[in-house]
C-alpha atoms as a PDB file:
ATOM      1  CA  MET A   1      -2.666 -11.247  -0.462  1.00  0.00           C
ATOM      2  CA  PRO A   2      -5.631 -13.523   0.080  1.00  0.00           C
ATOM      3  CA  THR A   3      -6.644 -15.850  -2.726  1.00  0.00           C
ATOM      4  CA  VAL A   4     -10.382 -15.335  -3.125  1.00  0.00           C
ATOM      5  CA  LEU A   5     -11.050 -17.621  -6.102  1.00  0.00           C
ATOM      6  CA  HIS A   6      -9.405 -20.226  -8.332  1.00  0.00           C
ATOM      7  CA  ILE A   7     -10.296 -20.350 -12.045  1.00  0.00           C
ATOM      8  CA  PHE A   8      -8.655 -22.440 -14.772  1.00  0.00           C
ATOM      9  CA  GLY A   9      -5.756 -23.222 -12.440  1.00  0.00           C
ATOM     10  CA  LEU A  10      -5.188 -19.488 -11.846  1.00  0.00           C
ATOM     11  CA  ARG A  11      -5.313 -17.615  -8.539  1.00  0.00           C
ATOM     12  CA  VAL A  12      -7.568 -14.595  -8.134  1.00  0.00           C
ATOM     13  CA  VAL A  13      -6.220 -12.419  -5.342  1.00  0.00           C
ATOM     14  CA  ILE A  14      -7.021  -9.157  -3.585  1.00  0.00           C
ATOM     15  CA  TYR A  15      -4.111  -7.388  -1.934  1.00  0.00           C
ATOM     16  CA  THR A  16      -4.879  -6.259   1.603  1.00  0.00           C
ATOM     17  CA  ASN A  17      -3.076  -2.923   1.232  1.00  0.00           C
ATOM     18  CA  ASP A  18      -4.362  -2.120  -2.261  1.00  0.00           C
ATOM     19  CA  HIS A  19      -6.169   0.956  -3.588  1.00  0.00           C
ATOM     20  CA  ARG A  20      -9.529   1.724  -5.147  1.00  0.00           C
ATOM     21  CA  PRO A  21     -11.292   1.066  -7.414  1.00  0.00           C
ATOM     22  CA  ALA A  22     -12.199  -2.498  -6.478  1.00  0.00           C
ATOM     23  CA  HIS A  23     -10.102  -4.870  -8.556  1.00  0.00           C
ATOM     24  CA  VAL A  24      -8.496  -8.311  -8.573  1.00  0.00           C
ATOM     25  CA  HIS A  25      -5.167  -9.696  -9.693  1.00  0.00           C
ATOM     26  CA  VAL A  26      -5.291 -12.955 -11.650  1.00  0.00           C
ATOM     27  CA  MET A  27      -2.015 -14.902 -11.538  1.00  0.00           C
ATOM     28  CA  GLY A  28      -0.579 -18.132 -12.844  1.00  0.00           C
ATOM     29  CA  ASN A  29       0.947 -19.914 -15.817  1.00  0.00           C
ATOM     30  CA  GLY A  30       3.554 -17.164 -16.124  1.00  0.00           C
ATOM     31  CA  GLY A  31       1.018 -14.346 -16.451  1.00  0.00           C
ATOM     32  CA  GLU A  32      -0.732 -11.729 -14.391  1.00  0.00           C
ATOM     33  CA  ALA A  33      -3.727  -9.562 -15.227  1.00  0.00           C
ATOM     34  CA  VAL A  34      -5.597  -6.914 -13.269  1.00  0.00           C
ATOM     35  CA  PHE A  35      -9.348  -6.473 -13.708  1.00  0.00           C
ATOM     36  CA  ASN A  36     -11.415  -3.597 -12.323  1.00  0.00           C
ATOM     37  CA  LEU A  37     -14.594  -5.098 -10.934  1.00  0.00           C
ATOM     38  CA  HIS A  38     -17.075  -2.204 -11.272  1.00  0.00           C
ATOM     39  CA  CYS A  39     -18.784  -3.608  -8.202  1.00  0.00           C
ATOM     40  CA  GLN A  40     -22.271  -4.459  -8.290  1.00  0.00           C
ATOM     41  CA  GLN A  41     -23.065  -3.496 -11.885  1.00  0.00           C
ATOM     42  CA  GLY A  42     -19.981  -4.998 -13.619  1.00  0.00           C
ATOM     43  CA  PRO A  43     -18.749  -6.235 -15.988  1.00  0.00           C
ATOM     44  CA  PRO A  44     -15.122  -6.670 -14.982  1.00  0.00           C
ATOM     45  CA  GLU A  45     -12.761  -4.637 -17.160  1.00  0.00           C
ATOM     46  CA  LEU A  46      -9.191  -5.538 -18.027  1.00  0.00           C
ATOM     47  CA  ARG A  47      -6.816  -2.866 -16.708  1.00  0.00           C
ATOM     48  CA  GLU A  48      -3.413  -4.520 -17.103  1.00  0.00           C
ATOM     49  CA  ASN A  49      -2.095  -7.679 -18.729  1.00  0.00           C
ATOM     50  CA  TYR A  50       1.325  -9.253 -18.407  1.00  0.00           C
ATOM     51  CA  GLY A  51       1.581 -12.399 -20.477  1.00  0.00           C
ATOM     52  CA  PHE A  52      -1.914 -13.809 -20.957  1.00  0.00           C
ATOM     53  CA  PRO A  53      -3.115 -14.343 -24.546  1.00  0.00           C
ATOM     54  CA  GLU A  54      -6.365 -12.655 -25.601  1.00  0.00           C
ATOM     55  CA  SER A  55      -8.261 -15.958 -25.645  1.00  0.00           C
ATOM     56  CA  VAL A  56      -7.395 -16.610 -21.995  1.00  0.00           C
ATOM     57  CA  LEU A  57      -8.269 -13.037 -20.983  1.00  0.00           C
ATOM     58  CA  LYS A  58     -11.756 -13.487 -22.420  1.00  0.00           C
ATOM     59  CA  LYS A  59     -12.259 -16.679 -20.400  1.00  0.00           C
ATOM     60  CA  ILE A  60     -10.964 -14.993 -17.252  1.00  0.00           C
ATOM     61  CA  ALA A  61     -13.289 -12.005 -17.727  1.00  0.00           C
ATOM     62  CA  ALA A  62     -16.279 -14.320 -18.205  1.00  0.00           C
ATOM     63  CA  ALA A  63     -15.430 -16.308 -15.063  1.00  0.00           C
ATOM     64  CA  LEU A  64     -14.971 -13.106 -13.045  1.00  0.00           C
ATOM     65  CA  ALA A  65     -18.363 -11.852 -14.265  1.00  0.00           C
ATOM     66  CA  VAL A  66     -20.038 -15.052 -13.073  1.00  0.00           C
ATOM     67  CA  ASN A  67     -18.377 -14.598  -9.664  1.00  0.00           C
ATOM     68  CA  MET A  68     -18.875 -10.818  -9.418  1.00  0.00           C
ATOM     69  CA  MET A  69     -21.007 -10.840  -6.271  1.00  0.00           C
ATOM     70  CA  HIS A  70     -18.512 -13.080  -4.435  1.00  0.00           C
ATOM     71  CA  LEU A  71     -15.569 -10.913  -5.501  1.00  0.00           C
ATOM     72  CA  CYS A  72     -17.248  -7.666  -4.486  1.00  0.00           C
ATOM     73  CA  ILE A  73     -18.142  -9.125  -1.095  1.00  0.00           C
ATOM     74  CA  LYS A  74     -14.538 -10.215  -0.608  1.00  0.00           C
ATOM     75  CA  TRP A  75     -13.228  -6.767  -1.615  1.00  0.00           C
ATOM     76  CA  LYS A  76     -15.573  -5.162   0.918  1.00  0.00           C
ATOM     77  CA  GLU A  77     -14.542  -7.624   3.669  1.00  0.00           C
ATOM     78  CA  ILE A  78     -10.871  -6.845   3.061  1.00  0.00           C
ATOM     79  CA  HIS A  79     -11.085  -3.077   2.464  1.00  0.00           C
ATOM     80  CA  GLY A  80     -14.120  -1.878   4.412  1.00  0.00           C
ATOM     81  CA  HIS A  81     -17.559  -0.543   3.669  1.00  0.00           C
ATOM     82  CA  HIS A  82     -16.681   2.546   1.571  1.00  0.00           C
ATOM     83  CA  SER A  83     -14.049   1.013  -0.580  1.00  0.00           C
ATOM     84  CA  TYR A  84     -15.485   0.306  -4.023  1.00  0.00           C
END
C-alpha cells in the first residue's frame, strides 16, 4: 500500500489491489477514514470513518481537495487507465 501523501501527520494511501471507485485511505493517530475521490471533478467524499472526530475529517477533506489532481494521477498510475 503506497503512501501517496502525508497531511497533518497522517498517511494517505492507495492499496494496490483495491477496487473502484477511486479512493484513498487516511491513517494515523488511531484512526482511519476512506474518501472517494470523484476524480477530476471532486470534491472528495467521506465513505467510512473509524475514529476521527468531525473536526479532523473536515481538515482531511479540505487537504485532499487541494491535492485532488495528485491523488487522481497516483490512483491512475497504480490501477491503470480505466480505473476511476
